[in-house]
Amino acid sequence: MIYRPAETPLLRKARAAGCRVANGLGMLLHQGARALEIWSGQPAPLAVMRSALEANIPHSTHYV
């Protein structure tokens, strides 16, 4: 999975051709959330974690 850039030329071409694409950011978000829940025993703050991803990876709003 490639997180940066959030949309590679391959993903852009596939999306333009009508394909569903995923860049792995959703997987990264939910793996991190689950790990935090396992370690802390508390629910992960998904909205905060998503905002952090979006702030640090340009154009990261394409989650699948």
Protein backbone atom coordinates (compact mmCIF):
# COMPACT_ATOMS: atom_id res chain seq x y z
CA MET A 1 0.00 0.00 0.00
CA ILE A 2 1.18 3.49 -0.82
CA TYR A 3 0.03 6.29 1.47
CA ARG A 4 1.93 9.20 0.00
CA PRO A 5 0.92 10.45 -2.41
CA ALA A 6 -2.63 9.54 -1.49
CA GLU A 7 -3.45 9.15 -5.17
CA THR A 8 -0.82 7.70 -7.47
CA PRO A 9 -0.95 7.96 -11.27
CA LEU A 10 -2.14 4.34 -11.38
CA LEU A 11 -5.01 5.04 -8.97
CA ARG A 12 -5.94 8.17 -10.91
CA LYS A 13 -6.07 6.26 -14.21
CA ALA A 14 -8.04 3.40 -12.66
CA ARG A 15 -10.56 5.83 -11.13
CA ALA A 16 -10.91 7.61 -14.49
CA ALA A 17 -11.61 4.23 -16.10
CA GLY A 18 -14.46 3.65 -13.63
CA CYS A 19 -12.67 1.27 -11.26
CA ARG A 20 -13.05 1.33 -7.48
CA VAL A 21 -9.68 2.12 -5.98
CA ALA A 22 -8.18 2.10 -2.50
CA ASN A 23 -4.89 3.63 -1.46
CA GLY A 24 -4.62 1.86 1.87
CA LEU A 25 -5.38 4.83 4.13
CA GLY A 26 -8.55 3.23 5.43
CA MET A 27 -6.61 0.10 6.29
CA LEU A 28 -3.89 2.14 7.99
CA LEU A 29 -6.49 4.05 10.01
CA HIS A 30 -8.36 0.98 11.21
CA GLN A 31 -5.23 -1.08 11.93
CA GLY A 32 -3.90 1.77 14.05
CA ALA A 33 -7.24 2.15 15.81
CA ARG A 34 -7.43 -1.55 16.61
CA ALA A 35 -3.85 -1.59 17.89
CA LEU A 36 -4.60 1.38 20.16
CA GLU A 37 -7.72 -0.37 21.48
CA ILE A 38 -5.75 -3.55 22.22
CA TRP A 39 -2.98 -1.69 24.03
CA SER A 40 -5.10 0.82 25.92
CA GLY A 41 -8.36 -1.07 26.44
CA GLN A 42 -10.18 2.09 25.37
CA PRO A 43 -12.12 2.87 22.18
CA ALA A 44 -9.97 4.55 19.57
CA PRO A 45 -10.83 8.15 18.65
CA LEU A 46 -11.39 7.44 14.94
CA ALA A 47 -12.38 11.02 14.06
CA VAL A 48 -9.21 12.40 15.66
CA MET A 49 -7.07 9.76 14.00
CA ARG A 50 -8.68 10.39 10.60
CA SER A 51 -8.08 14.15 10.99
CA ALA A 52 -4.43 13.49 11.80
CA LEU A 53 -4.05 11.38 8.66
CA GLU A 54 -5.75 14.00 6.52
CA ALA A 55 -3.55 16.75 7.99
CA ASN A 56 -0.37 14.83 7.26
CA ILE A 57 -1.10 13.19 3.92
CA PRO A 58 -2.21 15.63 1.21
CA HIS A 59 -5.40 14.68 -0.61
CA SER A 60 -6.01 11.81 1.80
CA THR A 61 -9.79 12.02 1.71
CA HIS A 62 -10.18 8.97 -0.55
CA TYR A 63 -10.86 6.15 1.93
CA VAL A 64 -12.43 2.86 0.98
